[in-house]
Amino acid sequence: MSPAQAAQAANVSRWTIMRAIKSADLQAFRDNKNQWRIKADDLNAWLSAQCAHTVQEEADAHLVH
């Protein structure tokens, strides 16, 4: 899927997807037209990691108070 399609599926902006690709947090590859492509499994793995990261940040924030 394209970054725009991935963004729609993940309910985030295309720029969020592009930042994740550039930082290598989200695996993607270039197709024969030199356009970014993202596999559904890779998007799901990235989303799972994002959810786990958010939950951990919230837990850490509660410990500070």
PDB file of N, CA and C in Angstrom:
ATOM      1  N   MET A   1       0.834  -1.179   0.000  1.00  0.00           N
ATOM      2  CA  MET A   1       0.000   0.000   0.000  1.00  0.00           C
ATOM      3  C   MET A   1       0.879   1.242   0.000  1.00  0.00           C
ATOM      4  N   SER A   2       0.334   2.325  -0.444  1.00  0.00           N
ATOM      5  CA  SER A   2       1.073   3.585  -0.494  1.00  0.00           C
ATOM      6  C   SER A   2       1.091   4.228   0.894  1.00  0.00           C
ATOM      7  N   PRO A   3       1.954   5.213   1.102  1.00  0.00           N
ATOM      8  CA  PRO A   3       1.947   5.920   2.393  1.00  0.00           C
ATOM      9  C   PRO A   3       0.590   6.561   2.701  1.00  0.00           C
ATOM     10  N   ALA A   4      -0.075   7.077   1.691  1.00  0.00           N
ATOM     11  CA  ALA A   4      -1.394   7.686   1.908  1.00  0.00           C
ATOM     12  C   ALA A   4      -2.408   6.626   2.351  1.00  0.00           C
ATOM     13  N   GLN A   5      -2.374   5.476   1.721  1.00  0.00           N
ATOM     14  CA  GLN A   5      -3.283   4.393   2.101  1.00  0.00           C
ATOM     15  C   GLN A   5      -2.960   3.889   3.504  1.00  0.00           C
ATOM     16  N   ALA A   6      -1.683   3.786   3.814  1.00  0.00           N
ATOM     17  CA  ALA A   6      -1.271   3.350   5.151  1.00  0.00           C
ATOM     18  C   ALA A   6      -1.725   4.355   6.203  1.00  0.00           C
ATOM     19  N   ALA A   7      -1.602   5.628   5.894  1.00  0.00           N
ATOM     20  CA  ALA A   7      -2.024   6.674   6.827  1.00  0.00           C
ATOM     21  C   ALA A   7      -3.519   6.588   7.094  1.00  0.00           C
ATOM     22  N   GLN A   8      -4.277   6.372   6.046  1.00  0.00           N
ATOM     23  CA  GLN A   8      -5.722   6.255   6.204  1.00  0.00           C
ATOM     24  C   GLN A   8      -6.067   5.024   7.044  1.00  0.00           C
ATOM     25  N   ALA A   9      -5.417   3.915   6.777  1.00  0.00           N
ATOM     26  CA  ALA A   9      -5.677   2.688   7.519  1.00  0.00           C
ATOM     27  C   ALA A   9      -5.294   2.833   8.995  1.00  0.00           C
ATOM     28  N   ALA A  10      -4.222   3.580   9.264  1.00  0.00           N
ATOM     29  CA  ALA A  10      -3.722   3.734  10.628  1.00  0.00           C
ATOM     30  C   ALA A  10      -4.340   4.930  11.350  1.00  0.00           C
ATOM     31  N   ASN A  11      -5.134   5.710  10.622  1.00  0.00           N
ATOM     32  CA  ASN A  11      -5.760   6.907  11.176  1.00  0.00           C
ATOM     33  C   ASN A  11      -4.728   7.918  11.679  1.00  0.00           C
ATOM     34  N   VAL A  12      -3.676   8.091  10.876  1.00  0.00           N
ATOM     35  CA  VAL A  12      -2.643   9.094  11.141  1.00  0.00           C
ATOM     36  C   VAL A  12      -2.419   9.877   9.852  1.00  0.00           C
ATOM     37  N   SER A  13      -1.584  10.889   9.904  1.00  0.00           N
ATOM     38  CA  SER A  13      -1.308  11.670   8.697  1.00  0.00           C
ATOM     39  C   SER A  13      -0.263  10.963   7.829  1.00  0.00           C
ATOM     40  N   ARG A  14      -0.249  11.329   6.564  1.00  0.00           N
ATOM     41  CA  ARG A  14       0.754  10.793   5.648  1.00  0.00           C
ATOM     42  C   ARG A  14       2.143  11.180   6.130  1.00  0.00           C
ATOM     43  N   TRP A  15       2.275  12.362   6.691  1.00  0.00           N
ATOM     44  CA  TRP A  15       3.581  12.818   7.179  1.00  0.00           C
ATOM     45  C   TRP A  15       4.069  11.963   8.345  1.00  0.00           C
ATOM     46  N   THR A  16       3.159  11.497   9.169  1.00  0.00           N
ATOM     47  CA  THR A  16       3.538  10.596  10.261  1.00  0.00           C
ATOM     48  C   THR A  16       4.115   9.307   9.696  1.00  0.00           C
ATOM     49  N   ILE A  17       3.463   8.785   8.660  1.00  0.00           N
ATOM     50  CA  ILE A  17       3.951   7.575   8.001  1.00  0.00           C
ATOM     51  C   ILE A  17       5.325   7.834   7.391  1.00  0.00           C
ATOM     52  N   MET A  18       5.486   8.954   6.701  1.00  0.00           N
ATOM     53  CA  MET A  18       6.765   9.266   6.055  1.00  0.00           C
ATOM     54  C   MET A  18       7.884   9.435   7.083  1.00  0.00           C
ATOM     55  N   ARG A  19       7.597  10.070   8.214  1.00  0.00           N
ATOM     56  CA  ARG A  19       8.607  10.210   9.271  1.00  0.00           C
ATOM     57  C   ARG A  19       9.011   8.843   9.811  1.00  0.00           C
ATOM     58  N   ALA A  20       8.038   7.956   9.959  1.00  0.00           N
ATOM     59  CA  ALA A  20       8.332   6.607  10.453  1.00  0.00           C
ATOM     60  C   ALA A  20       9.191   5.836   9.451  1.00  0.00           C
ATOM     61  N   ILE A  21       8.935   6.032   8.163  1.00  0.00           N
ATOM     62  CA  ILE A  21       9.750   5.379   7.132  1.00  0.00           C
ATOM     63  C   ILE A  21      11.165   5.940   7.168  1.00  0.00           C
ATOM     64  N   LYS A  22      11.285   7.248   7.199  1.00  0.00           N
ATOM     65  CA  LYS A  22      12.610   7.883   7.183  1.00  0.00           C
ATOM     66  C   LYS A  22      13.437   7.523   8.407  1.00  0.00           C
ATOM     67  N   SER A  23      12.775   7.340   9.548  1.00  0.00           N
ATOM     68  CA  SER A  23      13.508   6.983  10.772  1.00  0.00           C
ATOM     69  C   SER A  23      13.706   5.474  10.898  1.00  0.00           C
ATOM     70  N   ALA A  24      13.218   4.720   9.920  1.00  0.00           N
ATOM     71  CA  ALA A  24      13.328   3.254   9.880  1.00  0.00           C
ATOM     72  C   ALA A  24      12.499   2.572  10.967  1.00  0.00           C
ATOM     73  N   ASP A  25      11.540   3.282  11.546  1.00  0.00           N
ATOM     74  CA  ASP A  25      10.622   2.658  12.493  1.00  0.00           C
ATOM     75  C   ASP A  25       9.582   1.819  11.760  1.00  0.00           C
ATOM     76  N   LEU A  26       9.266   2.233  10.535  1.00  0.00           N
ATOM     77  CA  LEU A  26       8.299   1.520   9.698  1.00  0.00           C
ATOM     78  C   LEU A  26       9.015   1.035   8.451  1.00  0.00           C
ATOM     79  N   GLN A  27       8.976  -0.256   8.224  1.00  0.00           N
ATOM     80  CA  GLN A  27       9.649  -0.811   7.048  1.00  0.00           C
ATOM     81  C   GLN A  27       8.829  -0.522   5.801  1.00  0.00           C
ATOM     82  N   ALA A  28       9.514  -0.088   4.764  1.00  0.00           N
ATOM     83  CA  ALA A  28       8.882   0.187   3.475  1.00  0.00           C
ATOM     84  C   ALA A  28       9.926  -0.042   2.395  1.00  0.00           C
ATOM     85  N   PHE A  29       9.476  -0.144   1.183  1.00  0.00           N
ATOM     86  CA  PHE A  29      10.392  -0.348   0.061  1.00  0.00           C
ATOM     87  C   PHE A  29       9.918   0.484  -1.130  1.00  0.00           C
ATOM     88  N   ARG A  30      10.812   0.689  -2.057  1.00  0.00           N
ATOM     89  CA  ARG A  30      10.487   1.417  -3.284  1.00  0.00           C
ATOM     90  C   ARG A  30      10.104   0.415  -4.363  1.00  0.00           C
ATOM     91  N   ASP A  31       9.019   0.701  -5.081  1.00  0.00           N
ATOM     92  CA  ASP A  31       8.604  -0.182  -6.168  1.00  0.00           C
ATOM     93  C   ASP A  31       9.320   0.204  -7.464  1.00  0.00           C
ATOM     94  N   ASN A  32       8.958  -0.427  -8.570  1.00  0.00           N
ATOM     95  CA  ASN A  32       9.648  -0.157  -9.830  1.00  0.00           C
ATOM     96  C   ASN A  32       9.338   1.221 -10.403  1.00  0.00           C
ATOM     97  N   LYS A  33       8.405   1.949  -9.794  1.00  0.00           N
ATOM     98  CA  LYS A  33       8.128   3.337 -10.174  1.00  0.00           C
ATOM     99  C   LYS A  33       8.753   4.313  -9.174  1.00  0.00           C
ATOM    100  N   ASN A  34       9.596   3.765  -8.287  1.00  0.00           N
ATOM    101  CA  ASN A  34      10.298   4.536  -7.263  1.00  0.00           C
ATOM    102  C   ASN A  34       9.343   5.180  -6.250  1.00  0.00           C
ATOM    103  N   GLN A  35       8.221   4.526  -6.009  1.00  0.00           N
ATOM    104  CA  GLN A  35       7.259   5.008  -5.030  1.00  0.00           C
ATOM    105  C   GLN A  35       7.312   4.106  -3.804  1.00  0.00           C
ATOM    106  N   TRP A  36       7.107   4.698  -2.636  1.00  0.00           N
ATOM    107  CA  TRP A  36       7.130   3.931  -1.397  1.00  0.00           C
ATOM    108  C   TRP A  36       5.961   2.972  -1.350  1.00  0.00           C
ATOM    109  N   ARG A  37       6.229   1.770  -0.870  1.00  0.00           N
ATOM    110  CA  ARG A  37       5.218   0.750  -0.660  1.00  0.00           C
ATOM    111  C   ARG A  37       5.403   0.165   0.733  1.00  0.00           C
ATOM    112  N   ILE A  38       4.282  -0.120   1.382  1.00  0.00           N
ATOM    113  CA  ILE A  38       4.297  -0.633   2.749  1.00  0.00           C
ATOM    114  C   ILE A  38       3.450  -1.901   2.782  1.00  0.00           C
ATOM    115  N   LYS A  39       4.005  -2.944   3.345  1.00  0.00           N
ATOM    116  CA  LYS A  39       3.256  -4.195   3.499  1.00  0.00           C
ATOM    117  C   LYS A  39       2.334  -4.063   4.715  1.00  0.00           C
ATOM    118  N   ALA A  40       1.171  -4.680   4.621  1.00  0.00           N
ATOM    119  CA  ALA A  40       0.191  -4.616   5.708  1.00  0.00           C
ATOM    120  C   ALA A  40       0.769  -5.154   7.016  1.00  0.00           C
ATOM    121  N   ASP A  41       1.549  -6.225   6.937  1.00  0.00           N
ATOM    122  CA  ASP A  41       2.155  -6.795   8.144  1.00  0.00           C
ATOM    123  C   ASP A  41       3.113  -5.807   8.804  1.00  0.00           C
ATOM    124  N   ASP A  42       3.873  -5.081   7.976  1.00  0.00           N
ATOM    125  CA  ASP A  42       4.810  -4.093   8.518  1.00  0.00           C
ATOM    126  C   ASP A  42       4.057  -2.930   9.172  1.00  0.00           C
ATOM    127  N   LEU A  43       2.962  -2.516   8.548  1.00  0.00           N
ATOM    128  CA  LEU A  43       2.151  -1.446   9.136  1.00  0.00           C
ATOM    129  C   LEU A  43       1.564  -1.901  10.468  1.00  0.00           C
ATOM    130  N   ASN A  44       1.051  -3.117  10.519  1.00  0.00           N
ATOM    131  CA  ASN A  44       0.487  -3.641  11.769  1.00  0.00           C
ATOM    132  C   ASN A  44       1.538  -3.743  12.864  1.00  0.00           C
ATOM    133  N   ALA A  45       2.735  -4.165  12.506  1.00  0.00           N
ATOM    134  CA  ALA A  45       3.822  -4.250  13.492  1.00  0.00           C
ATOM    135  C   ALA A  45       4.166  -2.864  14.026  1.00  0.00           C
ATOM    136  N   TRP A  46       4.219  -1.872  13.135  1.00  0.00           N
ATOM    137  CA  TRP A  46       4.523  -0.500  13.541  1.00  0.00           C
ATOM    138  C   TRP A  46       3.428   0.034  14.452  1.00  0.00           C
ATOM    139  N   LEU A  47       2.169  -0.232  14.091  1.00  0.00           N
ATOM    140  CA  LEU A  47       1.055   0.225  14.919  1.00  0.00           C
ATOM    141  C   LEU A  47       1.103  -0.411  16.308  1.00  0.00           C
ATOM    142  N   SER A  48       1.414  -1.680  16.364  1.00  0.00           N
ATOM    143  CA  SER A  48       1.516  -2.368  17.658  1.00  0.00           C
ATOM    144  C   SER A  48       2.610  -1.751  18.510  1.00  0.00           C
ATOM    145  N   ALA A  49       3.731  -1.453  17.882  1.00  0.00           N
ATOM    146  CA  ALA A  49       4.841  -0.822  18.610  1.00  0.00           C
ATOM    147  C   ALA A  49       4.451   0.570  19.091  1.00  0.00           C
ATOM    148  N   GLN A  50       3.705   1.298  18.291  1.00  0.00           N
ATOM    149  CA  GLN A  50       3.270   2.641  18.673  1.00  0.00           C
ATOM    150  C   GLN A  50       2.322   2.579  19.861  1.00  0.00           C
ATOM    151  N   CYS A  51       1.416   1.626  19.857  1.00  0.00           N
ATOM    152  CA  CYS A  51       0.472   1.475  20.969  1.00  0.00           C
ATOM    153  C   CYS A  51       1.202   1.104  22.253  1.00  0.00           C
ATOM    154  N   ALA A  52       2.143   0.190  22.155  1.00  0.00           N
ATOM    155  CA  ALA A  52       2.915  -0.221  23.334  1.00  0.00           C
ATOM    156  C   ALA A  52       3.731   0.945  23.866  1.00  0.00           C
ATOM    157  N   HIS A  53       4.306   1.729  22.966  1.00  0.00           N
ATOM    158  CA  HIS A  53       5.107   2.885  23.360  1.00  0.00           C
ATOM    159  C   HIS A  53       4.231   3.920  24.061  1.00  0.00           C
ATOM    160  N   THR A  54       3.041   4.183  23.544  1.00  0.00           N
ATOM    161  CA  THR A  54       2.125   5.159  24.132  1.00  0.00           C
ATOM    162  C   THR A  54       1.677   4.711  25.515  1.00  0.00           C
ATOM    163  N   VAL A  55       1.348   3.438  25.665  1.00  0.00           N
ATOM    164  CA  VAL A  55       0.925   2.914  26.958  1.00  0.00           C
ATOM    165  C   VAL A  55       2.050   3.049  27.970  1.00  0.00           C
ATOM    166  N   GLN A  56       3.290   2.753  27.571  1.00  0.00           N
ATOM    167  CA  GLN A  56       4.429   2.864  28.487  1.00  0.00           C
ATOM    168  C   GLN A  56       4.649   4.319  28.885  1.00  0.00           C
ATOM    169  N   GLU A  57       4.520   5.265  27.950  1.00  0.00           N
ATOM    170  CA  GLU A  57       4.680   6.683  28.277  1.00  0.00           C
ATOM    171  C   GLU A  57       3.632   7.122  29.285  1.00  0.00           C
ATOM    172  N   GLU A  58       2.387   6.677  29.095  1.00  0.00           N
ATOM    173  CA  GLU A  58       1.326   7.030  30.030  1.00  0.00           C
ATOM    174  C   GLU A  58       1.609   6.445  31.419  1.00  0.00           C
ATOM    175  N   ALA A  59       2.094   5.227  31.477  1.00  0.00           N
ATOM    176  CA  ALA A  59       2.422   4.603  32.755  1.00  0.00           C
ATOM    177  C   ALA A  59       3.543   5.373  33.451  1.00  0.00           C
ATOM    178  N   ASP A  60       4.556   5.764  32.667  1.00  0.00           N
ATOM    179  CA  ASP A  60       5.659   6.543  33.233  1.00  0.00           C
ATOM    180  C   ASP A  60       5.180   7.890  33.741  1.00  0.00           C
ATOM    181  N   ALA A  61       4.259   8.516  33.037  1.00  0.00           N
ATOM    182  CA  ALA A  61       3.740   9.822  33.450  1.00  0.00           C
ATOM    183  C   ALA A  61       2.994   9.715  34.768  1.00  0.00           C
ATOM    184  N   HIS A  62       2.288   8.616  34.972  1.00  0.00           N
ATOM    185  CA  HIS A  62       1.555   8.445  36.241  1.00  0.00           C
ATOM    186  C   HIS A  62       2.505   8.186  37.402  1.00  0.00           C
ATOM    187  N   LEU A  63       3.627   7.573  37.148  1.00  0.00           N
ATOM    188  CA  LEU A  63       4.594   7.312  38.205  1.00  0.00           C
ATOM    189  C   LEU A  63       5.255   8.588  38.692  1.00  0.00           C
ATOM    190  N   VAL A  64       5.390   9.575  37.832  1.00  0.00           N
ATOM    191  CA  VAL A  64       6.032  10.830  38.202  1.00  0.00           C
ATOM    192  C   VAL A  64       5.202  11.607  39.181  1.00  0.00           C
ATOM    193  N   HIS A  65       3.877  11.527  39.037  1.00  0.00           N
ATOM    194  CA  HIS A  65       2.990  12.297  39.913  1.00  0.00           C
ATOM    195  C   HIS A  65       2.991  11.652  41.225  1.00  0.00           C
TER     196      HIS A  65
END
